[in-house]
ModelCIF file with pLDDT and N, C-alpha, C, O atoms, coordinates in Angstrom:
data_MODEL
#
_entry.id   MODEL 
#
_entity.id                         1 
_entity.type                       polymer 
_entity.pdbx_number_of_molecules   1 
#
_entity_poly.entity_id                      1 
_entity_poly.type                           'polypeptide(L)' 
_entity_poly.nstd_linkage                   no 
_entity_poly.nstd_monomer                   no 
_entity_poly.pdbx_seq_one_letter_code       FVRIMNRLTKYVKKDAVKAPEAPERLCPRCLTAVNEKATRCPAC 
_entity_poly.pdbx_seq_one_letter_code_can   FVRIMNRLTKYVKKDAVKAPEAPERLCPRCLTAVNEKATRCPAC 
_entity_poly.pdbx_strand_id                 A 
#
loop_
_entity_poly_seq.entity_id 
_entity_poly_seq.num 
_entity_poly_seq.mon_id 
_entity_poly_seq.hetero 
1 1  PHE n 
1 2  VAL n 
1 3  ARG n 
1 4  ILE n 
1 5  MET n 
1 6  ASN n 
1 7  ARG n 
1 8  LEU n 
1 9  THR n 
1 10 LYS n 
1 11 TYR n 
1 12 VAL n 
1 13 LYS n 
1 14 LYS n 
1 15 ASP n 
1 16 ALA n 
1 17 VAL n 
1 18 LYS n 
1 19 ALA n 
1 20 PRO n 
1 21 GLU n 
1 22 ALA n 
1 23 PRO n 
1 24 GLU n 
1 25 ARG n 
1 26 LEU n 
1 27 CYS n 
1 28 PRO n 
1 29 ARG n 
1 30 CYS n 
1 31 LEU n 
1 32 THR n 
1 33 ALA n 
1 34 VAL n 
1 35 ASN n 
1 36 GLU n 
1 37 LYS n 
1 38 ALA n 
1 39 THR n 
1 40 ARG n 
1 41 CYS n 
1 42 PRO n 
1 43 ALA n 
1 44 CYS n 
#
_struct_asym.id          A 
_struct_asym.entity_id   1 
#
loop_
_ma_qa_metric.id 
_ma_qa_metric.mode 
_ma_qa_metric.name 
_ma_qa_metric.software_group_id 
_ma_qa_metric.type 
1 global pLDDT . pLDDT 
2 local  pLDDT . pLDDT 
#
_ma_qa_metric_global.metric_id      1 
_ma_qa_metric_global.metric_value   80.68 
_ma_qa_metric_global.model_id       1 
_ma_qa_metric_global.ordinal_id     1 
#
loop_
_ma_qa_metric_local.label_asym_id 
_ma_qa_metric_local.label_comp_id 
_ma_qa_metric_local.label_seq_id 
_ma_qa_metric_local.metric_id 
_ma_qa_metric_local.metric_value 
_ma_qa_metric_local.model_id 
_ma_qa_metric_local.ordinal_id 
A PHE 1  2 83.00 1 1  
A VAL 2  2 83.00 1 2  
A ARG 3  2 90.00 1 3  
A ILE 4  2 90.00 1 4  
A MET 5  2 83.00 1 5  
A ASN 6  2 85.00 1 6  
A ARG 7  2 86.00 1 7  
A LEU 8  2 83.00 1 8  
A THR 9  2 80.00 1 9  
A LYS 10 2 78.00 1 10 
A TYR 11 2 72.00 1 11 
A VAL 12 2 71.00 1 12 
A LYS 13 2 67.00 1 13 
A LYS 14 2 64.00 1 14 
A ASP 15 2 58.00 1 15 
A ALA 16 2 59.00 1 16 
A VAL 17 2 60.00 1 17 
A LYS 18 2 63.00 1 18 
A ALA 19 2 61.00 1 19 
A PRO 20 2 66.00 1 20 
A GLU 21 2 71.00 1 21 
A ALA 22 2 71.00 1 22 
A PRO 23 2 78.00 1 23 
A GLU 24 2 85.00 1 24 
A ARG 25 2 88.00 1 25 
A LEU 26 2 90.00 1 26 
A CYS 27 2 89.00 1 27 
A PRO 28 2 87.00 1 28 
A ARG 29 2 88.00 1 29 
A CYS 30 2 87.00 1 30 
A LEU 31 2 88.00 1 31 
A THR 32 2 89.00 1 32 
A ALA 33 2 89.00 1 33 
A VAL 34 2 89.00 1 34 
A ASN 35 2 88.00 1 35 
A GLU 36 2 85.00 1 36 
A LYS 37 2 87.00 1 37 
A ALA 38 2 87.00 1 38 
A THR 39 2 89.00 1 39 
A ARG 40 2 89.00 1 40 
A CYS 41 2 89.00 1 41 
A PRO 42 2 88.00 1 42 
A ALA 43 2 89.00 1 43 
A CYS 44 2 88.00 1 44 
#
loop_
_atom_site.group_PDB 
_atom_site.id 
_atom_site.type_symbol 
_atom_site.label_atom_id 
_atom_site.label_alt_id 
_atom_site.label_comp_id 
_atom_site.label_asym_id 
_atom_site.label_entity_id 
_atom_site.label_seq_id 
_atom_site.pdbx_PDB_ins_code 
_atom_site.Cartn_x 
_atom_site.Cartn_y 
_atom_site.Cartn_z 
_atom_site.occupancy 
_atom_site.B_iso_or_equiv 
_atom_site.pdbx_formal_charge 
_atom_site.auth_seq_id 
_atom_site.auth_comp_id 
_atom_site.auth_asym_id 
_atom_site.auth_atom_id 
_atom_site.pdbx_PDB_model_num 
ATOM 1   N N  . PHE A 1 1  ? 16.440  -19.065 -5.192  1.00 83.00 ? 1  PHE A N  1 
ATOM 2   C CA . PHE A 1 1  ? 15.598  -17.873 -5.113  1.00 83.00 ? 1  PHE A CA 1 
ATOM 3   C C  . PHE A 1 1  ? 14.296  -18.063 -5.901  1.00 83.00 ? 1  PHE A C  1 
ATOM 4   O O  . PHE A 1 1  ? 13.219  -17.742 -5.399  1.00 83.00 ? 1  PHE A O  1 
ATOM 5   N N  . VAL A 1 2  ? 14.387  -18.578 -7.121  1.00 83.00 ? 2  VAL A N  1 
ATOM 6   C CA . VAL A 1 2  ? 13.192  -18.799 -7.946  1.00 83.00 ? 2  VAL A CA 1 
ATOM 7   C C  . VAL A 1 2  ? 12.282  -19.844 -7.301  1.00 83.00 ? 2  VAL A C  1 
ATOM 8   O O  . VAL A 1 2  ? 11.058  -19.710 -7.331  1.00 83.00 ? 2  VAL A O  1 
ATOM 9   N N  . ARG A 1 3  ? 12.871  -20.866 -6.730  1.00 90.00 ? 3  ARG A N  1 
ATOM 10  C CA . ARG A 1 3  ? 12.080  -21.910 -6.065  1.00 90.00 ? 3  ARG A CA 1 
ATOM 11  C C  . ARG A 1 3  ? 11.301  -21.336 -4.882  1.00 90.00 ? 3  ARG A C  1 
ATOM 12  O O  . ARG A 1 3  ? 10.128  -21.655 -4.691  1.00 90.00 ? 3  ARG A O  1 
ATOM 13  N N  . ILE A 1 4  ? 11.952  -20.498 -4.097  1.00 90.00 ? 4  ILE A N  1 
ATOM 14  C CA . ILE A 1 4  ? 11.279  -19.855 -2.959  1.00 90.00 ? 4  ILE A CA 1 
ATOM 15  C C  . ILE A 1 4  ? 10.158  -18.947 -3.456  1.00 90.00 ? 4  ILE A C  1 
ATOM 16  O O  . ILE A 1 4  ? 9.063   -18.946 -2.893  1.00 90.00 ? 4  ILE A O  1 
ATOM 17  N N  . MET A 1 5  ? 10.429  -18.169 -4.516  1.00 83.00 ? 5  MET A N  1 
ATOM 18  C CA . MET A 1 5  ? 9.405   -17.266 -5.052  1.00 83.00 ? 5  MET A CA 1 
ATOM 19  C C  . MET A 1 5  ? 8.209   -18.051 -5.590  1.00 83.00 ? 5  MET A C  1 
ATOM 20  O O  . MET A 1 5  ? 7.066   -17.635 -5.403  1.00 83.00 ? 5  MET A O  1 
ATOM 21  N N  . ASN A 1 6  ? 8.457   -19.183 -6.258  1.00 85.00 ? 6  ASN A N  1 
ATOM 22  C CA . ASN A 1 6  ? 7.360   -20.001 -6.768  1.00 85.00 ? 6  ASN A CA 1 
ATOM 23  C C  . ASN A 1 6  ? 6.506   -20.554 -5.635  1.00 85.00 ? 6  ASN A C  1 
ATOM 24  O O  . ASN A 1 6  ? 5.281   -20.595 -5.742  1.00 85.00 ? 6  ASN A O  1 
ATOM 25  N N  . ARG A 1 7  ? 7.139   -20.974 -4.564  1.00 86.00 ? 7  ARG A N  1 
ATOM 26  C CA . ARG A 1 7  ? 6.385   -21.485 -3.417  1.00 86.00 ? 7  ARG A CA 1 
ATOM 27  C C  . ARG A 1 7  ? 5.564   -20.379 -2.763  1.00 86.00 ? 7  ARG A C  1 
ATOM 28  O O  . ARG A 1 7  ? 4.420   -20.604 -2.367  1.00 86.00 ? 7  ARG A O  1 
ATOM 29  N N  . LEU A 1 8  ? 6.146   -19.181 -2.649  1.00 83.00 ? 8  LEU A N  1 
ATOM 30  C CA . LEU A 1 8  ? 5.402   -18.066 -2.071  1.00 83.00 ? 8  LEU A CA 1 
ATOM 31  C C  . LEU A 1 8  ? 4.219   -17.684 -2.957  1.00 83.00 ? 8  LEU A C  1 
ATOM 32  O O  . LEU A 1 8  ? 3.144   -17.359 -2.454  1.00 83.00 ? 8  LEU A O  1 
ATOM 33  N N  . THR A 1 9  ? 4.416   -17.724 -4.263  1.00 80.00 ? 9  THR A N  1 
ATOM 34  C CA . THR A 1 9  ? 3.337   -17.398 -5.193  1.00 80.00 ? 9  THR A CA 1 
ATOM 35  C C  . THR A 1 9  ? 2.197   -18.395 -5.067  1.00 80.00 ? 9  THR A C  1 
ATOM 36  O O  . THR A 1 9  ? 1.031   -18.001 -5.061  1.00 80.00 ? 9  THR A O  1 
ATOM 37  N N  . LYS A 1 10 ? 2.516   -19.685 -4.968  1.00 78.00 ? 10 LYS A N  1 
ATOM 38  C CA . LYS A 1 10 ? 1.477   -20.698 -4.787  1.00 78.00 ? 10 LYS A CA 1 
ATOM 39  C C  . LYS A 1 10 ? 0.723   -20.451 -3.486  1.00 78.00 ? 10 LYS A C  1 
ATOM 40  O O  . LYS A 1 10 ? -0.501  -20.572 -3.438  1.00 78.00 ? 10 LYS A O  1 
ATOM 41  N N  . TYR A 1 11 ? 1.460   -20.103 -2.429  1.00 72.00 ? 11 TYR A N  1 
ATOM 42  C CA . TYR A 1 11 ? 0.843   -19.862 -1.128  1.00 72.00 ? 11 TYR A CA 1 
ATOM 43  C C  . TYR A 1 11 ? -0.080  -18.656 -1.192  1.00 72.00 ? 11 TYR A C  1 
ATOM 44  O O  . TYR A 1 11 ? -1.182  -18.694 -0.645  1.00 72.00 ? 11 TYR A O  1 
ATOM 45  N N  . VAL A 1 12 ? 0.348   -17.597 -1.845  1.00 71.00 ? 12 VAL A N  1 
ATOM 46  C CA . VAL A 1 12 ? -0.467  -16.392 -1.942  1.00 71.00 ? 12 VAL A CA 1 
ATOM 47  C C  . VAL A 1 12 ? -1.699  -16.658 -2.783  1.00 71.00 ? 12 VAL A C  1 
ATOM 48  O O  . VAL A 1 12 ? -2.791  -16.215 -2.426  1.00 71.00 ? 12 VAL A O  1 
ATOM 49  N N  . LYS A 1 13 ? -1.553  -17.381 -3.907  1.00 67.00 ? 13 LYS A N  1 
ATOM 50  C CA . LYS A 1 13 ? -2.705  -17.676 -4.756  1.00 67.00 ? 13 LYS A CA 1 
ATOM 51  C C  . LYS A 1 13 ? -3.718  -18.558 -4.037  1.00 67.00 ? 13 LYS A C  1 
ATOM 52  O O  . LYS A 1 13 ? -4.926  -18.385 -4.195  1.00 67.00 ? 13 LYS A O  1 
ATOM 53  N N  . LYS A 1 14 ? -3.219  -19.500 -3.248  1.00 64.00 ? 14 LYS A N  1 
ATOM 54  C CA . LYS A 1 14 ? -4.118  -20.425 -2.558  1.00 64.00 ? 14 LYS A CA 1 
ATOM 55  C C  . LYS A 1 14 ? -4.954  -19.686 -1.511  1.00 64.00 ? 14 LYS A C  1 
ATOM 56  O O  . LYS A 1 14 ? -6.124  -20.006 -1.303  1.00 64.00 ? 14 LYS A O  1 
ATOM 57  N N  . ASP A 1 15 ? -4.350  -18.704 -0.860  1.00 58.00 ? 15 ASP A N  1 
ATOM 58  C CA . ASP A 1 15 ? -5.045  -17.978 0.196   1.00 58.00 ? 15 ASP A CA 1 
ATOM 59  C C  . ASP A 1 15 ? -5.706  -16.694 -0.291  1.00 58.00 ? 15 ASP A C  1 
ATOM 60  O O  . ASP A 1 15 ? -6.212  -15.916 0.518   1.00 58.00 ? 15 ASP A O  1 
ATOM 61  N N  . ALA A 1 16 ? -5.710  -16.463 -1.594  1.00 59.00 ? 16 ALA A N  1 
ATOM 62  C CA . ALA A 1 16 ? -6.308  -15.240 -2.128  1.00 59.00 ? 16 ALA A CA 1 
ATOM 63  C C  . ALA A 1 16 ? -7.812  -15.232 -1.850  1.00 59.00 ? 16 ALA A C  1 
ATOM 64  O O  . ALA A 1 16 ? -8.476  -16.269 -1.868  1.00 59.00 ? 16 ALA A O  1 
ATOM 65  N N  . VAL A 1 17 ? -8.310  -14.060 -1.598  1.00 60.00 ? 17 VAL A N  1 
ATOM 66  C CA . VAL A 1 17 ? -9.733  -13.925 -1.326  1.00 60.00 ? 17 VAL A CA 1 
ATOM 67  C C  . VAL A 1 17 ? -10.487 -14.006 -2.640  1.00 60.00 ? 17 VAL A C  1 
ATOM 68  O O  . VAL A 1 17 ? -10.197 -13.268 -3.581  1.00 60.00 ? 17 VAL A O  1 
ATOM 69  N N  . LYS A 1 18 ? -11.445 -14.896 -2.696  1.00 63.00 ? 18 LYS A N  1 
ATOM 70  C CA . LYS A 1 18 ? -12.260 -15.035 -3.899  1.00 63.00 ? 18 LYS A CA 1 
ATOM 71  C C  . LYS A 1 18 ? -13.369 -13.998 -3.866  1.00 63.00 ? 18 LYS A C  1 
ATOM 72  O O  . LYS A 1 18 ? -13.853 -13.610 -2.803  1.00 63.00 ? 18 LYS A O  1 
ATOM 73  N N  . ALA A 1 19 ? -13.759 -13.559 -5.054  1.00 61.00 ? 19 ALA A N  1 
ATOM 74  C CA . ALA A 1 19 ? -14.861 -12.608 -5.150  1.00 61.00 ? 19 ALA A CA 1 
ATOM 75  C C  . ALA A 1 19 ? -16.143 -13.306 -4.713  1.00 61.00 ? 19 ALA A C  1 
ATOM 76  O O  . ALA A 1 19 ? -16.394 -14.454 -5.080  1.00 61.00 ? 19 ALA A O  1 
ATOM 77  N N  . PRO A 1 20 ? -16.936 -12.614 -3.939  1.00 66.00 ? 20 PRO A N  1 
ATOM 78  C CA . PRO A 1 20 ? -18.176 -13.265 -3.497  1.00 66.00 ? 20 PRO A CA 1 
ATOM 79  C C  . PRO A 1 20 ? -19.084 -13.517 -4.697  1.00 66.00 ? 20 PRO A C  1 
ATOM 80  O O  . PRO A 1 20 ? -19.215 -12.674 -5.585  1.00 66.00 ? 20 PRO A O  1 
ATOM 81  N N  . GLU A 1 21 ? -19.693 -14.666 -4.704  1.00 71.00 ? 21 GLU A N  1 
ATOM 82  C CA . GLU A 1 21 ? -20.600 -15.010 -5.790  1.00 71.00 ? 21 GLU A CA 1 
ATOM 83  C C  . GLU A 1 21 ? -21.921 -14.288 -5.592  1.00 71.00 ? 21 GLU A C  1 
ATOM 84  O O  . GLU A 1 21 ? -22.330 -13.999 -4.467  1.00 71.00 ? 21 GLU A O  1 
ATOM 85  N N  . ALA A 1 22 ? -22.573 -14.007 -6.698  1.00 71.00 ? 22 ALA A N  1 
ATOM 86  C CA . ALA A 1 22 ? -23.863 -13.336 -6.622  1.00 71.00 ? 22 ALA A CA 1 
ATOM 87  C C  . ALA A 1 22 ? -24.873 -14.266 -5.951  1.00 71.00 ? 22 ALA A C  1 
ATOM 88  O O  . ALA A 1 22 ? -24.921 -15.459 -6.253  1.00 71.00 ? 22 ALA A O  1 
ATOM 89  N N  . PRO A 1 23 ? -25.672 -13.724 -5.050  1.00 78.00 ? 23 PRO A N  1 
ATOM 90  C CA . PRO A 1 23 ? -26.672 -14.575 -4.387  1.00 78.00 ? 23 PRO A CA 1 
ATOM 91  C C  . PRO A 1 23 ? -27.681 -15.100 -5.415  1.00 78.00 ? 23 PRO A C  1 
ATOM 92  O O  . PRO A 1 23 ? -28.090 -14.384 -6.328  1.00 78.00 ? 23 PRO A O  1 
ATOM 93  N N  . GLU A 1 24 ? -28.063 -16.345 -5.245  1.00 85.00 ? 24 GLU A N  1 
ATOM 94  C CA . GLU A 1 24 ? -28.963 -16.980 -6.206  1.00 85.00 ? 24 GLU A CA 1 
ATOM 95  C C  . GLU A 1 24 ? -30.216 -17.487 -5.522  1.00 85.00 ? 24 GLU A C  1 
ATOM 96  O O  . GLU A 1 24 ? -30.256 -17.683 -4.307  1.00 85.00 ? 24 GLU A O  1 
ATOM 97  N N  . ARG A 1 25 ? -31.230 -17.693 -6.335  1.00 88.00 ? 25 ARG A N  1 
ATOM 98  C CA . ARG A 1 25 ? -32.469 -18.316 -5.885  1.00 88.00 ? 25 ARG A CA 1 
ATOM 99  C C  . ARG A 1 25 ? -32.882 -19.333 -6.935  1.00 88.00 ? 25 ARG A C  1 
ATOM 100 O O  . ARG A 1 25 ? -32.372 -19.303 -8.055  1.00 88.00 ? 25 ARG A O  1 
ATOM 101 N N  . LEU A 1 26 ? -33.763 -20.201 -6.607  1.00 90.00 ? 26 LEU A N  1 
ATOM 102 C CA . LEU A 1 26 ? -34.220 -21.217 -7.552  1.00 90.00 ? 26 LEU A CA 1 
ATOM 103 C C  . LEU A 1 26 ? -35.474 -20.748 -8.275  1.00 90.00 ? 26 LEU A C  1 
ATOM 104 O O  . LEU A 1 26 ? -36.373 -20.148 -7.687  1.00 90.00 ? 26 LEU A O  1 
ATOM 105 N N  . CYS A 1 27 ? -35.501 -21.041 -9.564  1.00 89.00 ? 27 CYS A N  1 
ATOM 106 C CA . CYS A 1 27 ? -36.694 -20.755 -10.364 1.00 89.00 ? 27 CYS A CA 1 
ATOM 107 C C  . CYS A 1 27 ? -37.795 -21.708 -9.887  1.00 89.00 ? 27 CYS A C  1 
ATOM 108 O O  . CYS A 1 27 ? -37.555 -22.912 -9.794  1.00 89.00 ? 27 CYS A O  1 
ATOM 109 N N  . PRO A 1 28 ? -39.005 -21.197 -9.581  1.00 87.00 ? 28 PRO A N  1 
ATOM 110 C CA . PRO A 1 28 ? -40.071 -22.072 -9.082  1.00 87.00 ? 28 PRO A CA 1 
ATOM 111 C C  . PRO A 1 28 ? -40.577 -23.057 -10.132 1.00 87.00 ? 28 PRO A C  1 
ATOM 112 O O  . PRO A 1 28 ? -41.162 -24.082 -9.781  1.00 87.00 ? 28 PRO A O  1 
ATOM 113 N N  . ARG A 1 29 ? -40.364 -22.769 -11.395 1.00 88.00 ? 29 ARG A N  1 
ATOM 114 C CA . ARG A 1 29 ? -40.883 -23.659 -12.444 1.00 88.00 ? 29 ARG A CA 1 
ATOM 115 C C  . ARG A 1 29 ? -39.893 -24.751 -12.817 1.00 88.00 ? 29 ARG A C  1 
ATOM 116 O O  . ARG A 1 29 ? -40.260 -25.925 -12.865 1.00 88.00 ? 29 ARG A O  1 
ATOM 117 N N  . CYS A 1 30 ? -38.607 -24.374 -13.091 1.00 87.00 ? 30 CYS A N  1 
ATOM 118 C CA . CYS A 1 30 ? -37.643 -25.383 -13.579 1.00 87.00 ? 30 CYS A CA 1 
ATOM 119 C C  . CYS A 1 30 ? -36.542 -25.695 -12.565 1.00 87.00 ? 30 CYS A C  1 
ATOM 120 O O  . CYS A 1 30 ? -35.705 -26.564 -12.812 1.00 87.00 ? 30 CYS A O  1 
ATOM 121 N N  . LEU A 1 31 ? -36.535 -25.000 -11.437 1.00 88.00 ? 31 LEU A N  1 
ATOM 122 C CA . LEU A 1 31 ? -35.559 -25.199 -10.352 1.00 88.00 ? 31 LEU A CA 1 
ATOM 123 C C  . LEU A 1 31 ? -34.119 -24.927 -10.771 1.00 88.00 ? 31 LEU A C  1 
ATOM 124 O O  . LEU A 1 31 ? -33.196 -25.531 -10.224 1.00 88.00 ? 31 LEU A O  1 
ATOM 125 N N  . THR A 1 32 ? -33.910 -24.024 -11.734 1.00 89.00 ? 32 THR A N  1 
ATOM 126 C CA . THR A 1 32 ? -32.573 -23.599 -12.138 1.00 89.00 ? 32 THR A CA 1 
ATOM 127 C C  . THR A 1 32 ? -32.129 -22.464 -11.223 1.00 89.00 ? 32 THR A C  1 
ATOM 128 O O  . THR A 1 32 ? -32.944 -21.626 -10.838 1.00 89.00 ? 32 THR A O  1 
ATOM 129 N N  . ALA A 1 33 ? -30.858 -22.429 -10.875 1.00 89.00 ? 33 ALA A N  1 
ATOM 130 C CA . ALA A 1 33 ? -30.339 -21.343 -10.043 1.00 89.00 ? 33 ALA A CA 1 
ATOM 131 C C  . ALA A 1 33 ? -30.310 -20.061 -10.868 1.00 89.00 ? 33 ALA A C  1 
ATOM 132 O O  . ALA A 1 33 ? -29.794 -20.037 -11.985 1.00 89.00 ? 33 ALA A O  1 
ATOM 133 N N  . VAL A 1 34 ? -30.873 -18.995 -10.298 1.00 89.00 ? 34 VAL A N  1 
ATOM 134 C CA . VAL A 1 34 ? -30.994 -17.715 -10.986 1.00 89.00 ? 34 VAL A CA 1 
ATOM 135 C C  . VAL A 1 34 ? -30.511 -16.628 -10.041 1.00 89.00 ? 34 VAL A C  1 
ATOM 136 O O  . VAL A 1 34 ? -30.783 -16.685 -8.841  1.00 89.00 ? 34 VAL A O  1 
ATOM 137 N N  . ASN A 1 35 ? -29.794 -15.636 -10.567 1.00 88.00 ? 35 ASN A N  1 
ATOM 138 C CA . ASN A 1 35 ? -29.367 -14.496 -9.769  1.00 88.00 ? 35 ASN A CA 1 
ATOM 139 C C  . ASN A 1 35 ? -30.597 -13.841 -9.174  1.00 88.00 ? 35 ASN A C  1 
ATOM 140 O O  . ASN A 1 35 ? -31.627 -13.712 -9.836  1.00 88.00 ? 35 ASN A O  1 
ATOM 141 N N  . GLU A 1 36 ? -30.485 -13.424 -7.914  1.00 85.00 ? 36 GLU A N  1 
ATOM 142 C CA . GLU A 1 36 ? -31.671 -12.888 -7.237  1.00 85.00 ? 36 GLU A CA 1 
ATOM 143 C C  . GLU A 1 36 ? -32.134 -11.560 -7.816  1.00 85.00 ? 36 GLU A C  1 
ATOM 144 O O  . GLU A 1 36 ? -33.272 -11.159 -7.571  1.00 85.00 ? 36 GLU A O  1 
ATOM 145 N N  . LYS A 1 37 ? -31.293 -10.862 -8.576  1.00 87.00 ? 37 LYS A N  1 
ATOM 146 C CA . LYS A 1 37 ? -31.702 -9.606  -9.198  1.00 87.00 ? 37 LYS A CA 1 
ATOM 147 C C  . LYS A 1 37 ? -32.364 -9.828  -10.565 1.00 87.00 ? 37 LYS A C  1 
ATOM 148 O O  . LYS A 1 37 ? -32.916 -8.893  -11.145 1.00 87.00 ? 37 LYS A O  1 
ATOM 149 N N  . ALA A 1 38 ? -32.309 -11.046 -11.070 1.00 87.00 ? 38 ALA A N  1 
ATOM 150 C CA . ALA A 1 38 ? -32.884 -11.324 -12.384 1.00 87.00 ? 38 ALA A CA 1 
ATOM 151 C C  . ALA A 1 38 ? -34.402 -11.279 -12.328 1.00 87.00 ? 38 ALA A C  1 
ATOM 152 O O  . ALA A 1 38 ? -35.012 -11.606 -11.310 1.00 87.00 ? 38 ALA A O  1 
ATOM 153 N N  . THR A 1 39 ? -35.013 -10.860 -13.457 1.00 89.00 ? 39 THR A N  1 
ATOM 154 C CA . THR A 1 39 ? -36.474 -10.822 -13.534 1.00 89.00 ? 39 THR A CA 1 
ATOM 155 C C  . THR A 1 39 ? -37.030 -11.961 -14.377 1.00 89.00 ? 39 THR A C  1 
ATOM 156 O O  . THR A 1 39 ? -38.237 -12.201 -14.376 1.00 89.00 ? 39 THR A O  1 
ATOM 157 N N  . ARG A 1 40 ? -36.146 -12.675 -15.109 1.00 89.00 ? 40 ARG A N  1 
ATOM 158 C CA . ARG A 1 40 ? -36.553 -13.846 -15.910 1.00 89.00 ? 40 ARG A CA 1 
ATOM 159 C C  . ARG A 1 40 ? -35.549 -14.966 -15.675 1.00 89.00 ? 40 ARG A C  1 
ATOM 160 O O  . ARG A 1 40 ? -34.376 -14.723 -15.392 1.00 89.00 ? 40 ARG A O  1 
ATOM 161 N N  . CYS A 1 41 ? -36.026 -16.176 -15.795 1.00 89.00 ? 41 CYS A N  1 
ATOM 162 C CA . CYS A 1 41 ? -35.173 -17.359 -15.678 1.00 89.00 ? 41 CYS A CA 1 
ATOM 163 C C  . CYS A 1 41 ? -34.463 -17.546 -17.020 1.00 89.00 ? 41 CYS A C  1 
ATOM 164 O O  . CYS A 1 41 ? -35.123 -17.527 -18.059 1.00 89.00 ? 41 CYS A O  1 
ATOM 165 N N  . PRO A 1 42 ? -33.142 -17.725 -17.030 1.00 88.00 ? 42 PRO A N  1 
ATOM 166 C CA . PRO A 1 42 ? -32.442 -17.908 -18.292 1.00 88.00 ? 42 PRO A CA 1 
ATOM 167 C C  . PRO A 1 42 ? -32.737 -19.272 -18.941 1.00 88.00 ? 42 PRO A C  1 
ATOM 168 O O  . PRO A 1 42 ? -32.528 -19.440 -20.142 1.00 88.00 ? 42 PRO A O  1 
ATOM 169 N N  . ALA A 1 43 ? -33.211 -20.222 -18.170 1.00 89.00 ? 43 ALA A N  1 
ATOM 170 C CA . ALA A 1 43 ? -33.472 -21.567 -18.724 1.00 89.00 ? 43 ALA A CA 1 
ATOM 171 C C  . ALA A 1 43 ? -34.866 -21.673 -19.329 1.00 89.00 ? 43 ALA A C  1 
ATOM 172 O O  . ALA A 1 43 ? -35.018 -22.117 -20.468 1.00 89.00 ? 43 ALA A O  1 
ATOM 173 N N  . CYS A 1 44 ? -35.899 -21.263 -18.564 1.00 88.00 ? 44 CYS A N  1 
ATOM 174 C CA . CYS A 1 44 ? -37.276 -21.452 -19.048 1.00 88.00 ? 44 CYS A CA 1 
ATOM 175 C C  . CYS A 1 44 ? -37.966 -20.136 -19.394 1.00 88.00 ? 44 CYS A C  1 
ATOM 176 O O  . CYS A 1 44 ? -39.124 -20.137 -19.813 1.00 88.00 ? 44 CYS A O  1 
#
C-alpha cells in the first residue's frame, strides 16, 4: 500500500501544474532579464 501511494505521489508531483513565471524583458544596457513590470534594472 505504501509503495503504491509513493508511486502515485511521484506521478502527481511530476504532472503538477507549475505557476506561470512572470514575463521578463532584457535590460537594454546590461542585457539582464528583468520583470516587465519593473521600472529599474536590479543589476545596473
